[in-house]
Every structure is written in C-alpha cells, then in structure tokens.
PDB file of N, CA and C in Angstrom:
ATOM      1  N   MET A   1     102.608  27.141  39.385  1.00  0.00           N
ATOM      2  CA  MET A   1     102.028  26.095  38.570  1.00  0.00           C
ATOM      3  C   MET A   1     102.929  25.835  37.363  1.00  0.00           C
ATOM      4  N   LYS A   2     103.267  24.584  37.167  1.00  0.00           N
ATOM      5  CA  LYS A   2     104.137  24.181  36.078  1.00  0.00           C
ATOM      6  C   LYS A   2     103.343  24.036  34.788  1.00  0.00           C
ATOM      7  N   ILE A   3     103.898  24.539  33.695  1.00  0.00           N
ATOM      8  CA  ILE A   3     103.249  24.392  32.397  1.00  0.00           C
ATOM      9  C   ILE A   3     103.774  23.125  31.734  1.00  0.00           C
ATOM     10  N   MET A   4     102.849  22.306  31.285  1.00  0.00           N
ATOM     11  CA  MET A   4     103.195  21.096  30.551  1.00  0.00           C
ATOM     12  C   MET A   4     102.708  21.264  29.113  1.00  0.00           C
ATOM     13  N   LYS A   5     103.587  20.940  28.176  1.00  0.00           N
ATOM     14  CA  LYS A   5     103.199  20.921  26.765  1.00  0.00           C
ATOM     15  C   LYS A   5     103.358  19.493  26.261  1.00  0.00           C
ATOM     16  N   VAL A   6     102.476  19.106  25.369  1.00  0.00           N
ATOM     17  CA  VAL A   6     102.520  17.748  24.843  1.00  0.00           C
ATOM     18  C   VAL A   6     102.451  17.783  23.319  1.00  0.00           C
ATOM     19  N   LYS A   7     103.186  16.867  22.703  1.00  0.00           N
ATOM     20  CA  LYS A   7     103.201  16.727  21.244  1.00  0.00           C
ATOM     21  C   LYS A   7     103.156  15.242  20.916  1.00  0.00           C
ATOM     22  N   ILE A   8     102.786  14.945  19.688  1.00  0.00           N
ATOM     23  CA  ILE A   8     102.837  13.570  19.197  1.00  0.00           C
ATOM     24  C   ILE A   8     103.695  13.557  17.945  1.00  0.00           C
ATOM     25  N   ASP A   9     104.622  12.618  17.905  1.00  0.00           N
ATOM     26  CA  ASP A   9     105.440  12.433  16.708  1.00  0.00           C
ATOM     27  C   ASP A   9     104.639  11.557  15.738  1.00  0.00           C
ATOM     28  N   PRO A  10     104.126  12.138  14.657  1.00  0.00           N
ATOM     29  CA  PRO A  10     103.279  11.363  13.744  1.00  0.00           C
ATOM     30  C   PRO A  10     104.023  10.217  13.053  1.00  0.00           C
ATOM     31  N   ASP A  11     105.339  10.336  12.956  1.00  0.00           N
ATOM     32  CA  ASP A  11     106.119   9.265  12.338  1.00  0.00           C
ATOM     33  C   ASP A  11     106.209   8.033  13.239  1.00  0.00           C
ATOM     34  N   LEU A  12     106.069   8.246  14.550  1.00  0.00           N
ATOM     35  CA  LEU A  12     106.135   7.131  15.495  1.00  0.00           C
ATOM     36  C   LEU A  12     104.759   6.575  15.847  1.00  0.00           C
ATOM     37  N   CYS A  13     103.725   7.398  15.751  1.00  0.00           N
ATOM     38  CA  CYS A  13     102.378   6.990  16.157  1.00  0.00           C
ATOM     39  C   CYS A  13     101.890   5.823  15.300  1.00  0.00           C
ATOM     40  N   THR A  14     101.426   4.765  15.975  1.00  0.00           N
ATOM     41  CA  THR A  14     100.914   3.584  15.279  1.00  0.00           C
ATOM     42  C   THR A  14      99.393   3.481  15.378  1.00  0.00           C
ATOM     43  N   GLY A  15      98.747   4.493  15.944  1.00  0.00           N
ATOM     44  CA  GLY A  15      97.293   4.548  15.967  1.00  0.00           C
ATOM     45  C   GLY A  15      96.626   3.582  16.917  1.00  0.00           C
ATOM     46  N   ASP A  16      97.273   3.263  18.019  1.00  0.00           N
ATOM     47  CA  ASP A  16      96.701   2.324  18.991  1.00  0.00           C
ATOM     48  C   ASP A  16      95.536   2.907  19.795  1.00  0.00           C
ATOM     49  N   GLU A  17      95.404   4.212  19.817  1.00  0.00           N
ATOM     50  CA  GLU A  17      94.313   4.935  20.483  1.00  0.00           C
ATOM     51  C   GLU A  17      94.348   4.862  22.012  1.00  0.00           C
ATOM     52  N   ILE A  18      95.419   4.368  22.582  1.00  0.00           N
ATOM     53  CA  ILE A  18      95.505   4.279  24.041  1.00  0.00           C
ATOM     54  C   ILE A  18      95.449   5.671  24.660  1.00  0.00           C
ATOM     55  N   CYS A  19      96.145   6.628  24.072  1.00  0.00           N
ATOM     56  CA  CYS A  19      96.147   7.989  24.615  1.00  0.00           C
ATOM     57  C   CYS A  19      94.747   8.602  24.558  1.00  0.00           C
ATOM     58  N   VAL A  20      94.019   8.333  23.481  1.00  0.00           N
ATOM     59  CA  VAL A  20      92.665   8.871  23.323  1.00  0.00           C
ATOM     60  C   VAL A  20      91.746   8.282  24.390  1.00  0.00           C
ATOM     61  N   GLN A  21      91.888   6.995  24.653  1.00  0.00           N
ATOM     62  CA  GLN A  21      91.076   6.344  25.680  1.00  0.00           C
ATOM     63  C   GLN A  21      91.410   6.881  27.070  1.00  0.00           C
ATOM     64  N   MET A  22      92.677   7.153  27.321  1.00  0.00           N
ATOM     65  CA  MET A  22      93.109   7.593  28.645  1.00  0.00           C
ATOM     66  C   MET A  22      92.850   9.072  28.892  1.00  0.00           C
ATOM     67  N   CYS A  23      92.907   9.889  27.852  1.00  0.00           N
ATOM     68  CA  CYS A  23      92.757  11.335  28.033  1.00  0.00           C
ATOM     69  C   CYS A  23      92.138  11.975  26.782  1.00  0.00           C
ATOM     70  N   PRO A  24      90.837  11.743  26.560  1.00  0.00           N
ATOM     71  CA  PRO A  24      90.189  12.272  25.355  1.00  0.00           C
ATOM     72  C   PRO A  24      90.091  13.793  25.316  1.00  0.00           C
ATOM     73  N   GLU A  25      90.315  14.447  26.453  1.00  0.00           N
ATOM     74  CA  GLU A  25      90.300  15.915  26.483  1.00  0.00           C
ATOM     75  C   GLU A  25      91.524  16.499  25.785  1.00  0.00           C
ATOM     76  N   VAL A  26      92.589  15.700  25.683  1.00  0.00           N
ATOM     77  CA  VAL A  26      93.848  16.185  25.110  1.00  0.00           C
ATOM     78  C   VAL A  26      94.168  15.525  23.765  1.00  0.00           C
ATOM     79  N   PHE A  27      93.786  14.260  23.604  1.00  0.00           N
ATOM     80  CA  PHE A  27      94.143  13.507  22.399  1.00  0.00           C
ATOM     81  C   PHE A  27      92.905  13.111  21.595  1.00  0.00           C
ATOM     82  N   GLU A  28      93.095  13.023  20.279  1.00  0.00           N
ATOM     83  CA  GLU A  28      92.012  12.622  19.380  1.00  0.00           C
ATOM     84  C   GLU A  28      92.646  11.905  18.187  1.00  0.00           C
ATOM     85  N   MET A  29      91.881  11.046  17.550  1.00  0.00           N
ATOM     86  CA  MET A  29      92.373  10.359  16.357  1.00  0.00           C
ATOM     87  C   MET A  29      91.977  11.133  15.105  1.00  0.00           C
ATOM     88  N   LYS A  30      92.909  11.204  14.160  1.00  0.00           N
ATOM     89  CA  LYS A  30      92.643  11.826  12.860  1.00  0.00           C
ATOM     90  C   LYS A  30      93.486  11.087  11.823  1.00  0.00           C
ATOM     91  N   ASP A  31      92.836  10.553  10.812  1.00  0.00           N
ATOM     92  CA  ASP A  31      93.537   9.802   9.760  1.00  0.00           C
ATOM     93  C   ASP A  31      94.407   8.685  10.338  1.00  0.00           C
ATOM     94  N   ASP A  32      93.857   7.941  11.294  1.00  0.00           N
ATOM     95  CA  ASP A  32      94.525   6.792  11.923  1.00  0.00           C
ATOM     96  C   ASP A  32      95.768   7.153  12.737  1.00  0.00           C
ATOM     97  N   LYS A  33      95.904   8.411  13.096  1.00  0.00           N
ATOM     98  CA  LYS A  33      97.005   8.861  13.957  1.00  0.00           C
ATOM     99  C   LYS A  33      96.424   9.706  15.078  1.00  0.00           C
ATOM    100  N   ALA A  34      97.077   9.687  16.221  1.00  0.00           N
ATOM    101  CA  ALA A  34      96.648  10.545  17.324  1.00  0.00           C
ATOM    102  C   ALA A  34      97.121  11.972  17.061  1.00  0.00           C
ATOM    103  N   ILE A  35      96.287  12.919  17.439  1.00  0.00           N
ATOM    104  CA  ILE A  35      96.666  14.330  17.379  1.00  0.00           C
ATOM    105  C   ILE A  35      96.404  14.954  18.745  1.00  0.00           C
ATOM    106  N   VAL A  36      97.036  16.085  18.994  1.00  0.00           N
ATOM    107  CA  VAL A  36      96.879  16.800  20.256  1.00  0.00           C
ATOM    108  C   VAL A  36      95.841  17.900  20.074  1.00  0.00           C
ATOM    109  N   LEU A  37      94.846  17.915  20.952  1.00  0.00           N
ATOM    110  CA  LEU A  37      93.813  18.950  20.912  1.00  0.00           C
ATOM    111  C   LEU A  37      94.242  20.196  21.669  1.00  0.00           C
ATOM    112  N   GLN A  38      95.004  20.004  22.755  1.00  0.00           N
ATOM    113  CA  GLN A  38      95.483  21.123  23.582  1.00  0.00           C
ATOM    114  C   GLN A  38      96.973  20.923  23.816  1.00  0.00           C
ATOM    115  N   GLU A  39      97.794  21.746  23.213  1.00  0.00           N
ATOM    116  CA  GLU A  39      99.238  21.598  23.398  1.00  0.00           C
ATOM    117  C   GLU A  39      99.636  21.890  24.838  1.00  0.00           C
ATOM    118  N   GLU A  40      99.044  22.939  25.434  1.00  0.00           N
ATOM    119  CA  GLU A  40      99.296  23.231  26.847  1.00  0.00           C
ATOM    120  C   GLU A  40      98.272  22.473  27.676  1.00  0.00           C
ATOM    121  N   VAL A  41      98.762  21.559  28.487  1.00  0.00           N
ATOM    122  CA  VAL A  41      97.890  20.662  29.241  1.00  0.00           C
ATOM    123  C   VAL A  41      97.468  21.317  30.552  1.00  0.00           C
ATOM    124  N   PRO A  42      96.158  21.406  30.804  1.00  0.00           N
ATOM    125  CA  PRO A  42      95.690  21.948  32.083  1.00  0.00           C
ATOM    126  C   PRO A  42      96.194  21.095  33.250  1.00  0.00           C
ATOM    127  N   GLN A  43      96.390  21.730  34.368  1.00  0.00           N
ATOM    128  CA  GLN A  43      96.920  21.077  35.566  1.00  0.00           C
ATOM    129  C   GLN A  43      96.162  19.792  35.908  1.00  0.00           C
ATOM    130  N   ASP A  44      94.839  19.827  35.816  1.00  0.00           N
ATOM    131  CA  ASP A  44      94.044  18.673  36.234  1.00  0.00           C
ATOM    132  C   ASP A  44      94.132  17.487  35.269  1.00  0.00           C
ATOM    133  N   LEU A  45      94.733  17.668  34.111  1.00  0.00           N
ATOM    134  CA  LEU A  45      94.875  16.572  33.144  1.00  0.00           C
ATOM    135  C   LEU A  45      96.312  16.072  33.017  1.00  0.00           C
ATOM    136  N   GLN A  46      97.241  16.698  33.720  1.00  0.00           N
ATOM    137  CA  GLN A  46      98.651  16.355  33.554  1.00  0.00           C
ATOM    138  C   GLN A  46      98.970  14.916  33.962  1.00  0.00           C
ATOM    139  N   ASP A  47      98.362  14.422  35.031  1.00  0.00           N
ATOM    140  CA  ASP A  47      98.615  13.034  35.437  1.00  0.00           C
ATOM    141  C   ASP A  47      98.119  12.059  34.374  1.00  0.00           C
ATOM    142  N   SER A  48      96.958  12.344  33.789  1.00  0.00           N
ATOM    143  CA  SER A  48      96.417  11.475  32.734  1.00  0.00           C
ATOM    144  C   SER A  48      97.318  11.478  31.505  1.00  0.00           C
ATOM    145  N   VAL A  49      97.864  12.635  31.162  1.00  0.00           N
ATOM    146  CA  VAL A  49      98.772  12.720  30.012  1.00  0.00           C
ATOM    147  C   VAL A  49     100.058  11.945  30.297  1.00  0.00           C
ATOM    148  N   ARG A  50     100.565  12.025  31.521  1.00  0.00           N
ATOM    149  CA  ARG A  50     101.763  11.248  31.883  1.00  0.00           C
ATOM    150  C   ARG A  50     101.489   9.747  31.764  1.00  0.00           C
ATOM    151  N   GLU A  51     100.329   9.307  32.254  1.00  0.00           N
ATOM    152  CA  GLU A  51      99.961   7.891  32.160  1.00  0.00           C
ATOM    153  C   GLU A  51      99.837   7.461  30.702  1.00  0.00           C
ATOM    154  N   ALA A  52      99.234   8.300  29.878  1.00  0.00           N
ATOM    155  CA  ALA A  52      99.100   7.985  28.453  1.00  0.00           C
ATOM    156  C   ALA A  52     100.474   7.890  27.795  1.00  0.00           C
ATOM    157  N   THR A  53     101.366   8.787  28.174  1.00  0.00           N
ATOM    158  CA  THR A  53     102.727   8.773  27.632  1.00  0.00           C
ATOM    159  C   THR A  53     103.437   7.482  28.005  1.00  0.00           C
ATOM    160  N   ASP A  54     103.315   7.080  29.268  1.00  0.00           N
ATOM    161  CA  ASP A  54     103.946   5.841  29.727  1.00  0.00           C
ATOM    162  C   ASP A  54     103.334   4.607  29.065  1.00  0.00           C
ATOM    163  N   SER A  55     102.064   4.692  28.678  1.00  0.00           N
ATOM    164  CA  SER A  55     101.351   3.550  28.098  1.00  0.00           C
ATOM    165  C   SER A  55     101.480   3.454  26.584  1.00  0.00           C
ATOM    166  N   CYS A  56     101.992   4.485  25.951  1.00  0.00           N
ATOM    167  CA  CYS A  56     102.076   4.510  24.484  1.00  0.00           C
ATOM    168  C   CYS A  56     103.100   3.472  24.002  1.00  0.00           C
ATOM    169  N   PRO A  57     102.648   2.446  23.261  1.00  0.00           N
ATOM    170  CA  PRO A  57     103.579   1.392  22.843  1.00  0.00           C
ATOM    171  C   PRO A  57     104.631   1.863  21.836  1.00  0.00           C
ATOM    172  N   SER A  58     104.339   2.930  21.105  1.00  0.00           N
ATOM    173  CA  SER A  58     105.304   3.418  20.111  1.00  0.00           C
ATOM    174  C   SER A  58     106.126   4.605  20.612  1.00  0.00           C
ATOM    175  N   GLU A  59     105.876   5.008  21.873  1.00  0.00           N
ATOM    176  CA  GLU A  59     106.599   6.129  22.489  1.00  0.00           C
ATOM    177  C   GLU A  59     106.522   7.388  21.627  1.00  0.00           C
ATOM    178  N   ALA A  60     105.325   7.643  21.071  1.00  0.00           N
ATOM    179  CA  ALA A  60     105.137   8.772  20.162  1.00  0.00           C
ATOM    180  C   ALA A  60     104.786  10.076  20.876  1.00  0.00           C
ATOM    181  N   ILE A  61     104.443   9.999  22.168  1.00  0.00           N
ATOM    182  CA  ILE A  61     104.022  11.195  22.905  1.00  0.00           C
ATOM    183  C   ILE A  61     105.239  11.844  23.555  1.00  0.00           C
ATOM    184  N   ILE A  62     105.369  13.141  23.354  1.00  0.00           N
ATOM    185  CA  ILE A  62     106.506  13.901  23.886  1.00  0.00           C
ATOM    186  C   ILE A  62     105.977  14.964  24.838  1.00  0.00           C
ATOM    187  N   ILE A  63     106.476  14.939  26.064  1.00  0.00           N
ATOM    188  CA  ILE A  63     106.080  15.927  27.075  1.00  0.00           C
ATOM    189  C   ILE A  63     107.227  16.903  27.284  1.00  0.00           C
ATOM    190  N   GLU A  64     106.885  18.186  27.340  1.00  0.00           N
ATOM    191  CA  GLU A  64     107.855  19.232  27.690  1.00  0.00           C
ATOM    192  C   GLU A  64     107.347  19.930  28.937  1.00  0.00           C
ATOM    193  N   GLU A  65     108.199  20.004  29.963  1.00  0.00           N
ATOM    194  CA  GLU A  65     107.809  20.703  31.201  1.00  0.00           C
ATOM    195  C   GLU A  65     108.827  21.757  31.540  1.00  0.00           C
TER     196      GLU A  65
END
C-alpha cells in the first residue's frame, strides 16, 4: 500500500473551497484558507484528493507519494 501525504501551500491558496467540497474528510477551511486535516491520506480517499488537486485553480495542493 502506497502512502500519500498532502499539504497546502497557504501562500497559493485562494480559498475557493473546491478541495473541501470534493474531500471534506481531508480538507477544511480556516481563516479563508484550506487546511489539511489528515496529512497521511487513507487509501480510500486518495482518488478524491487527486481530483481535488487537479481541480484546485491556484495549484495550492501538494501531493507526496
């Protein structure tokens, strides 16, 4: 099983909330910026995190595998 870690660059985040809508188990809004609730993404949420990353207009989500 591959471990996926996810981060958000707060300097790039524009607060569009797309990641929160797509994967609320991993992302949440705080002070108009997205934050990561779980840095290590469970296997069953990895596809949703990838989709959120691809959909982020500011490219603020960083995945490490």
